[in-house]
Amino acid sequence: MLAANYGGRAINITQTTAGHAFSYKITSIYKLPHGHAVAVCLPEIWEYMLGNIDKCIDVRGQEYLADIFNQIAFAMGCDSPLKAIGVFREMMVEMELKNPVAVNREEDLEALSTSVNPVRLKNNPIGLDVKTIHSIYEKM
C-alpha cells in the first residue's frame, strides 16, 4: 500500500503520458483494470505518435524521440517500431485483453474525448489536441 501511495504521489508531481491519461475514463466507463485500459490505449497512441513525429513537443527533439521508439522496438525483438506495435497487439490477443465495446458509441466517444486532462498529458512527447484525442479513441 505504501508503494502504491508513493506511486500516486509521484504521478501527481510529474504527471504522465497519453496512455495513462486516456485510460482513466476507460476504466471508469467499462470497468477495466487500469493496466488493461492502458494496454488498450497504447497501440493506437503509439501508432499516432510514430506517424506524427513532426509534432514532437519534447525538448530533446524528434531525433531523440525516434531513437526511443527504435530502442523500444529493439527491446521487443523487432527491427522497427511499427513491427513492435504489431507484436504488442499480438500480445494483447494472447492475453485476451480486448478493447471495450461501446453501447452508446457517440455518447461514449464524447465522454472519453472530453475526459482527458491536458495537464495529465504533460509528459507526452507528441502534442495532442481534442480532435486528435477523439480520433484516437474512435480507433480503439
N, C-alpha and C. Protein backbone atom coordinates (compact mmCIF):
# COMPACT_ATOMS: atom_id res chain seq x y z
N MET A 1 0.82 -1.19 0.00
CA MET A 1 0.00 0.00 0.00
C MET A 1 0.87 1.25 0.00
N LEU A 2 1.97 1.19 0.71
CA LEU A 2 2.87 2.33 0.76
C LEU A 2 3.45 2.62 -0.63
N ALA A 3 3.85 1.56 -1.34
CA ALA A 3 4.40 1.75 -2.69
C ALA A 3 3.36 2.35 -3.62
N ALA A 4 2.12 1.89 -3.53
CA ALA A 4 1.05 2.44 -4.37
C ALA A 4 0.82 3.91 -4.05
N ASN A 5 0.89 4.24 -2.77
CA ASN A 5 0.71 5.63 -2.35
C ASN A 5 1.83 6.50 -2.90
N TYR A 6 3.06 6.02 -2.80
CA TYR A 6 4.19 6.79 -3.34
C TYR A 6 4.09 6.93 -4.86
N GLY A 7 3.64 5.86 -5.51
CA GLY A 7 3.46 5.92 -6.96
C GLY A 7 2.44 6.98 -7.35
N GLY A 8 1.33 7.03 -6.64
CA GLY A 8 0.30 8.04 -6.89
C GLY A 8 0.82 9.44 -6.64
N ARG A 9 1.58 9.60 -5.59
CA ARG A 9 2.17 10.92 -5.29
C ARG A 9 3.12 11.35 -6.40
N ALA A 10 3.93 10.41 -6.89
CA ALA A 10 4.89 10.72 -7.95
C ALA A 10 4.17 11.17 -9.22
N ILE A 11 3.09 10.48 -9.57
CA ILE A 11 2.33 10.85 -10.77
C ILE A 11 1.70 12.22 -10.60
N ASN A 12 1.25 12.54 -9.40
CA ASN A 12 0.68 13.88 -9.16
C ASN A 12 1.71 14.98 -9.37
N ILE A 13 2.96 14.67 -9.09
CA ILE A 13 4.02 15.67 -9.25
C ILE A 13 4.49 15.73 -10.70
N THR A 14 4.78 14.58 -11.27
CA THR A 14 5.42 14.53 -12.60
C THR A 14 4.45 14.49 -13.76
N GLN A 15 3.21 14.14 -13.49
CA GLN A 15 2.17 13.92 -14.50
C GLN A 15 2.49 12.65 -15.26
N THR A 16 1.91 12.48 -16.44
CA THR A 16 2.05 11.21 -17.13
C THR A 16 1.99 11.41 -18.64
N THR A 17 1.81 10.33 -19.37
CA THR A 17 1.72 10.41 -20.84
C THR A 17 0.32 10.01 -21.29
N ALA A 18 0.11 10.01 -22.58
CA ALA A 18 -1.23 9.80 -23.14
C ALA A 18 -1.85 8.46 -22.75
N GLY A 19 -1.08 7.39 -22.75
CA GLY A 19 -1.64 6.08 -22.42
C GLY A 19 -2.38 6.08 -21.09
N HIS A 20 -1.77 6.69 -20.10
CA HIS A 20 -2.42 6.78 -18.79
C HIS A 20 -3.56 7.79 -18.80
N ALA A 21 -3.32 8.94 -19.39
CA ALA A 21 -4.34 9.99 -19.40
C ALA A 21 -5.61 9.52 -20.12
N PHE A 22 -5.46 8.74 -21.18
CA PHE A 22 -6.61 8.21 -21.91
C PHE A 22 -7.31 7.11 -21.13
N SER A 23 -6.59 6.38 -20.31
CA SER A 23 -7.12 5.17 -19.70
C SER A 23 -8.08 5.41 -18.54
N TYR A 24 -7.97 6.53 -17.87
CA TYR A 24 -8.77 6.74 -16.65
C TYR A 24 -10.26 6.59 -16.91
N LYS A 25 -10.78 7.25 -17.94
CA LYS A 25 -12.22 7.19 -18.22
C LYS A 25 -12.61 5.82 -18.78
N ILE A 26 -11.70 5.16 -19.48
CA ILE A 26 -11.99 3.80 -19.95
C ILE A 26 -12.23 2.89 -18.75
N THR A 27 -11.39 3.02 -17.74
CA THR A 27 -11.57 2.23 -16.51
C THR A 27 -12.91 2.56 -15.88
N SER A 28 -13.25 3.82 -15.83
CA SER A 28 -14.48 4.26 -15.20
C SER A 28 -15.72 3.77 -15.95
N ILE A 29 -15.76 3.95 -17.25
CA ILE A 29 -16.95 3.58 -18.04
C ILE A 29 -17.09 2.06 -18.20
N TYR A 30 -15.99 1.40 -18.54
CA TYR A 30 -16.05 -0.02 -18.92
C TYR A 30 -15.59 -0.97 -17.82
N LYS A 31 -15.21 -0.41 -16.68
CA LYS A 31 -14.80 -1.21 -15.51
C LYS A 31 -13.61 -2.13 -15.81
N LEU A 32 -12.71 -1.66 -16.68
CA LEU A 32 -11.50 -2.42 -16.96
C LEU A 32 -10.44 -2.06 -15.92
N PRO A 33 -9.61 -3.02 -15.50
CA PRO A 33 -8.49 -2.67 -14.63
C PRO A 33 -7.59 -1.64 -15.33
N HIS A 34 -6.91 -0.84 -14.52
CA HIS A 34 -6.11 0.26 -15.07
C HIS A 34 -5.09 -0.24 -16.10
N GLY A 35 -4.37 -1.30 -15.81
CA GLY A 35 -3.36 -1.82 -16.74
C GLY A 35 -3.97 -2.26 -18.06
N HIS A 36 -5.14 -2.89 -18.00
CA HIS A 36 -5.84 -3.32 -19.21
C HIS A 36 -6.24 -2.09 -20.02
N ALA A 37 -6.76 -1.07 -19.35
CA ALA A 37 -7.17 0.16 -20.04
C ALA A 37 -5.98 0.84 -20.71
N VAL A 38 -4.84 0.87 -20.05
CA VAL A 38 -3.64 1.46 -20.65
C VAL A 38 -3.22 0.65 -21.87
N ALA A 39 -3.26 -0.68 -21.76
CA ALA A 39 -2.88 -1.54 -22.88
C ALA A 39 -3.77 -1.31 -24.09
N VAL A 40 -5.05 -1.09 -23.87
CA VAL A 40 -5.99 -0.81 -24.96
C VAL A 40 -5.60 0.48 -25.69
N CYS A 41 -5.16 1.46 -24.93
CA CYS A 41 -4.80 2.77 -25.49
C CYS A 41 -3.47 2.75 -26.24
N LEU A 42 -2.53 2.00 -25.71
CA LEU A 42 -1.15 2.09 -26.17
C LEU A 42 -0.93 1.91 -27.67
N PRO A 43 -1.42 0.87 -28.31
CA PRO A 43 -1.07 0.71 -29.72
C PRO A 43 -1.57 1.85 -30.61
N GLU A 44 -2.77 2.35 -30.33
CA GLU A 44 -3.31 3.45 -31.16
C GLU A 44 -2.55 4.74 -30.93
N ILE A 45 -2.21 5.01 -29.68
CA ILE A 45 -1.46 6.24 -29.37
C ILE A 45 -0.05 6.13 -29.95
N TRP A 46 0.57 4.99 -29.77
CA TRP A 46 1.92 4.76 -30.27
C TRP A 46 1.96 4.94 -31.78
N GLU A 47 0.99 4.33 -32.47
CA GLU A 47 0.93 4.44 -33.92
C GLU A 47 0.73 5.90 -34.35
N TYR A 48 -0.14 6.62 -33.63
CA TYR A 48 -0.35 8.03 -33.96
C TYR A 48 0.95 8.81 -33.79
N MET A 49 1.65 8.57 -32.70
CA MET A 49 2.89 9.31 -32.45
C MET A 49 3.93 9.02 -33.51
N LEU A 50 4.04 7.76 -33.93
CA LEU A 50 5.01 7.42 -34.98
C LEU A 50 4.70 8.16 -36.29
N GLY A 51 3.44 8.28 -36.61
CA GLY A 51 3.04 8.95 -37.83
C GLY A 51 3.05 10.47 -37.75
N ASN A 52 3.26 10.99 -36.55
CA ASN A 52 3.21 12.44 -36.35
C ASN A 52 4.40 12.93 -35.53
N ILE A 53 5.53 12.32 -35.77
CA ILE A 53 6.72 12.67 -35.00
C ILE A 53 7.13 14.13 -35.23
N ASP A 54 6.66 14.70 -36.33
CA ASP A 54 6.93 16.12 -36.61
C ASP A 54 6.21 17.04 -35.62
N LYS A 55 5.28 16.50 -34.86
CA LYS A 55 4.55 17.27 -33.85
C LYS A 55 5.18 17.10 -32.47
N CYS A 56 6.43 16.68 -32.45
CA CYS A 56 7.16 16.45 -31.20
C CYS A 56 7.24 17.74 -30.40
N ILE A 57 6.86 17.65 -29.13
CA ILE A 57 6.98 18.81 -28.22
C ILE A 57 8.01 18.55 -27.13
N ASP A 58 8.63 17.40 -27.18
CA ASP A 58 9.69 17.07 -26.22
C ASP A 58 10.90 17.94 -26.54
N VAL A 59 11.45 18.58 -25.52
CA VAL A 59 12.58 19.49 -25.74
C VAL A 59 13.81 18.79 -26.30
N ARG A 60 13.86 17.47 -26.16
CA ARG A 60 15.01 16.72 -26.69
C ARG A 60 14.91 16.51 -28.19
N GLY A 61 13.73 16.74 -28.77
CA GLY A 61 13.58 16.76 -30.22
C GLY A 61 13.14 15.46 -30.86
N GLN A 62 12.86 15.58 -32.16
CA GLN A 62 12.34 14.47 -32.97
C GLN A 62 13.33 13.31 -33.09
N GLU A 63 14.59 13.62 -33.27
CA GLU A 63 15.58 12.55 -33.42
C GLU A 63 15.66 11.71 -32.15
N TYR A 64 15.64 12.39 -31.02
CA TYR A 64 15.67 11.69 -29.74
C TYR A 64 14.46 10.76 -29.63
N LEU A 65 13.29 11.31 -29.94
CA LEU A 65 12.05 10.53 -29.84
C LEU A 65 12.08 9.33 -30.79
N ALA A 66 12.50 9.54 -32.01
CA ALA A 66 12.60 8.44 -32.98
C ALA A 66 13.54 7.36 -32.46
N ASP A 67 14.65 7.78 -31.85
CA ASP A 67 15.60 6.82 -31.28
C ASP A 67 14.96 6.04 -30.14
N ILE A 68 14.18 6.69 -29.31
CA ILE A 68 13.48 6.00 -28.21
C ILE A 68 12.53 4.95 -28.77
N PHE A 69 11.76 5.32 -29.81
CA PHE A 69 10.86 4.34 -30.43
C PHE A 69 11.65 3.15 -30.98
N ASN A 70 12.81 3.42 -31.57
CA ASN A 70 13.64 2.33 -32.09
C ASN A 70 14.19 1.46 -30.96
N GLN A 71 14.56 2.07 -29.85
CA GLN A 71 15.06 1.30 -28.71
C GLN A 71 13.98 0.40 -28.13
N ILE A 72 12.76 0.91 -28.06
CA ILE A 72 11.65 0.11 -27.56
C ILE A 72 11.44 -1.08 -28.49
N ALA A 73 11.44 -0.82 -29.79
CA ALA A 73 11.27 -1.90 -30.77
C ALA A 73 12.36 -2.95 -30.60
N PHE A 74 13.60 -2.51 -30.48
CA PHE A 74 14.73 -3.42 -30.30
C PHE A 74 14.54 -4.26 -29.04
N ALA A 75 14.11 -3.62 -27.95
CA ALA A 75 13.90 -4.33 -26.69
C ALA A 75 12.80 -5.39 -26.82
N MET A 76 11.90 -5.16 -27.76
CA MET A 76 10.81 -6.12 -28.00
C MET A 76 11.20 -7.15 -29.06
N GLY A 77 12.44 -7.11 -29.54
CA GLY A 77 12.91 -8.06 -30.54
C GLY A 77 12.46 -7.74 -31.95
N CYS A 78 12.16 -6.47 -32.20
CA CYS A 78 11.66 -6.05 -33.52
C CYS A 78 12.66 -5.11 -34.17
N ASP A 79 12.62 -5.08 -35.51
CA ASP A 79 13.54 -4.19 -36.22
C ASP A 79 12.92 -2.85 -36.58
N SER A 80 11.66 -2.63 -36.18
CA SER A 80 11.04 -1.33 -36.41
C SER A 80 9.94 -1.09 -35.39
N PRO A 81 9.67 0.18 -35.09
CA PRO A 81 8.58 0.49 -34.16
C PRO A 81 7.22 -0.03 -34.64
N LEU A 82 6.95 0.03 -35.94
CA LEU A 82 5.67 -0.48 -36.44
C LEU A 82 5.52 -1.98 -36.19
N LYS A 83 6.61 -2.72 -36.34
CA LYS A 83 6.55 -4.15 -36.05
C LYS A 83 6.34 -4.38 -34.55
N ALA A 84 6.92 -3.52 -33.73
CA ALA A 84 6.74 -3.64 -32.28
C ALA A 84 5.28 -3.43 -31.90
N ILE A 85 4.61 -2.50 -32.57
CA ILE A 85 3.19 -2.29 -32.30
C ILE A 85 2.42 -3.56 -32.65
N GLY A 86 2.76 -4.19 -33.77
CA GLY A 86 2.13 -5.45 -34.15
C GLY A 86 2.35 -6.53 -33.11
N VAL A 87 3.57 -6.62 -32.59
CA VAL A 87 3.89 -7.60 -31.55
C VAL A 87 3.07 -7.31 -30.30
N PHE A 88 2.96 -6.04 -29.95
CA PHE A 88 2.17 -5.67 -28.78
C PHE A 88 0.70 -6.07 -28.97
N ARG A 89 0.17 -5.82 -30.15
CA ARG A 89 -1.22 -6.22 -30.43
C ARG A 89 -1.39 -7.74 -30.33
N GLU A 90 -0.41 -8.48 -30.81
CA GLU A 90 -0.45 -9.94 -30.70
C GLU A 90 -0.42 -10.37 -29.24
N MET A 91 0.37 -9.69 -28.44
CA MET A 91 0.44 -10.00 -27.01
C MET A 91 -0.93 -9.77 -26.35
N MET A 92 -1.59 -8.70 -26.75
CA MET A 92 -2.92 -8.42 -26.20
C MET A 92 -3.90 -9.54 -26.54
N VAL A 93 -3.84 -10.04 -27.77
CA VAL A 93 -4.71 -11.14 -28.18
C VAL A 93 -4.40 -12.38 -27.35
N GLU A 94 -3.11 -12.69 -27.20
CA GLU A 94 -2.71 -13.87 -26.42
C GLU A 94 -3.16 -13.76 -24.97
N MET A 95 -3.16 -12.55 -24.42
CA MET A 95 -3.58 -12.35 -23.03
C MET A 95 -5.09 -12.11 -22.90
N GLU A 96 -5.77 -12.16 -24.06
CA GLU A 96 -7.22 -11.94 -24.11
C GLU A 96 -7.61 -10.56 -23.55
N LEU A 97 -6.79 -9.57 -23.85
CA LEU A 97 -7.08 -8.19 -23.47
C LEU A 97 -7.84 -7.54 -24.63
N LYS A 98 -9.13 -7.48 -24.49
CA LYS A 98 -9.97 -6.96 -25.57
C LYS A 98 -10.29 -5.49 -25.36
N ASN A 99 -10.50 -4.81 -26.47
CA ASN A 99 -10.94 -3.43 -26.41
C ASN A 99 -12.39 -3.39 -25.97
N PRO A 100 -12.77 -2.38 -25.20
CA PRO A 100 -14.17 -2.29 -24.79
C PRO A 100 -15.06 -1.99 -25.98
N VAL A 101 -16.31 -2.41 -25.88
CA VAL A 101 -17.28 -2.16 -26.93
C VAL A 101 -18.34 -1.22 -26.36
N ALA A 102 -18.52 -0.10 -27.02
CA ALA A 102 -19.47 0.90 -26.55
C ALA A 102 -20.90 0.49 -26.86
N VAL A 103 -21.78 0.72 -25.91
CA VAL A 103 -23.20 0.52 -26.13
C VAL A 103 -23.76 1.75 -26.83
N ASN A 104 -23.34 2.90 -26.36
CA ASN A 104 -23.74 4.19 -26.96
C ASN A 104 -22.48 4.86 -27.50
N ARG A 105 -22.05 4.43 -28.65
CA ARG A 105 -20.75 4.82 -29.21
C ARG A 105 -20.50 6.33 -29.20
N GLU A 106 -21.38 7.11 -29.79
CA GLU A 106 -21.15 8.56 -29.88
C GLU A 106 -21.11 9.21 -28.50
N GLU A 107 -21.99 8.76 -27.64
CA GLU A 107 -22.03 9.29 -26.28
C GLU A 107 -20.73 8.95 -25.54
N ASP A 108 -20.29 7.70 -25.67
CA ASP A 108 -19.05 7.27 -25.01
C ASP A 108 -17.84 8.01 -25.58
N LEU A 109 -17.80 8.16 -26.91
CA LEU A 109 -16.68 8.89 -27.53
C LEU A 109 -16.59 10.32 -27.00
N GLU A 110 -17.74 10.95 -26.87
CA GLU A 110 -17.76 12.31 -26.34
C GLU A 110 -17.27 12.34 -24.90
N ALA A 111 -17.76 11.41 -24.08
CA ALA A 111 -17.34 11.35 -22.68
C ALA A 111 -15.84 11.06 -22.56
N LEU A 112 -15.36 10.13 -23.36
CA LEU A 112 -13.94 9.79 -23.33
C LEU A 112 -13.08 10.96 -23.78
N SER A 113 -13.42 11.55 -24.92
CA SER A 113 -12.62 12.63 -25.51
C SER A 113 -12.52 13.85 -24.61
N THR A 114 -13.60 14.17 -23.95
CA THR A 114 -13.59 15.36 -23.09
C THR A 114 -13.04 15.08 -21.70
N SER A 115 -12.80 13.81 -21.40
CA SER A 115 -12.31 13.46 -20.07
C SER A 115 -10.79 13.57 -19.93
N VAL A 116 -10.08 13.59 -21.03
CA VAL A 116 -8.62 13.60 -20.97
C VAL A 116 -8.15 14.96 -20.45
N ASN A 117 -7.47 14.91 -19.34
CA ASN A 117 -6.98 16.11 -18.69
C ASN A 117 -5.66 16.53 -19.36
N PRO A 118 -5.63 17.72 -19.99
CA PRO A 118 -4.40 18.15 -20.68
C PRO A 118 -3.20 18.23 -19.74
N VAL A 119 -3.44 18.50 -18.48
CA VAL A 119 -2.33 18.55 -17.51
C VAL A 119 -1.70 17.17 -17.36
N ARG A 120 -2.53 16.13 -17.44
CA ARG A 120 -2.02 14.76 -17.33
C ARG A 120 -1.17 14.37 -18.54
N LEU A 121 -1.28 15.11 -19.62
CA LEU A 121 -0.51 14.84 -20.84
C LEU A 121 0.84 15.54 -20.83
N LYS A 122 1.20 16.15 -19.73
CA LYS A 122 2.41 16.96 -19.63
C LYS A 122 3.66 16.26 -20.16
N ASN A 123 3.78 14.98 -19.93
CA ASN A 123 4.99 14.26 -20.33
C ASN A 123 4.86 13.52 -21.66
N ASN A 124 3.74 13.70 -22.35
CA ASN A 124 3.61 13.04 -23.65
C ASN A 124 4.48 13.77 -24.66
N PRO A 125 5.30 13.05 -25.42
CA PRO A 125 6.25 13.72 -26.32
C PRO A 125 5.63 14.31 -27.59
N ILE A 126 4.41 13.94 -27.90
CA ILE A 126 3.72 14.48 -29.08
C ILE A 126 2.49 15.24 -28.60
N GLY A 127 2.31 16.45 -29.10
CA GLY A 127 1.15 17.24 -28.73
C GLY A 127 -0.15 16.62 -29.24
N LEU A 128 -1.17 16.66 -28.40
CA LEU A 128 -2.48 16.10 -28.76
C LEU A 128 -3.56 17.14 -28.49
N ASP A 129 -4.37 17.41 -29.52
CA ASP A 129 -5.49 18.32 -29.31
C ASP A 129 -6.78 17.49 -29.18
N VAL A 130 -7.88 18.16 -28.89
CA VAL A 130 -9.16 17.48 -28.64
C VAL A 130 -9.60 16.66 -29.85
N LYS A 131 -9.44 17.19 -31.05
CA LYS A 131 -9.84 16.47 -32.27
C LYS A 131 -9.02 15.19 -32.44
N THR A 132 -7.72 15.28 -32.17
CA THR A 132 -6.84 14.12 -32.28
C THR A 132 -7.20 13.08 -31.23
N ILE A 133 -7.43 13.54 -30.01
CA ILE A 133 -7.81 12.63 -28.93
C ILE A 133 -9.07 11.86 -29.32
N HIS A 134 -10.05 12.56 -29.87
CA HIS A 134 -11.30 11.93 -30.30
C HIS A 134 -11.03 10.88 -31.38
N SER A 135 -10.20 11.21 -32.34
CA SER A 135 -9.94 10.26 -33.44
C SER A 135 -9.17 9.03 -32.94
N ILE A 136 -8.31 9.20 -31.96
CA ILE A 136 -7.60 8.05 -31.40
C ILE A 136 -8.59 7.13 -30.65
N TYR A 137 -9.47 7.73 -29.89
CA TYR A 137 -10.49 6.92 -29.21
C TYR A 137 -11.36 6.19 -30.23
N GLU A 138 -11.70 6.82 -31.34
CA GLU A 138 -12.51 6.16 -32.36
C GLU A 138 -11.84 4.88 -32.86
N LYS A 139 -10.53 4.91 -33.00
CA LYS A 139 -9.79 3.74 -33.49
C LYS A 139 -9.77 2.61 -32.47
N MET A 140 -9.85 2.98 -31.21
CA MET A 140 -9.85 1.95 -30.16
C MET A 140 -11.13 1.14 -30.20
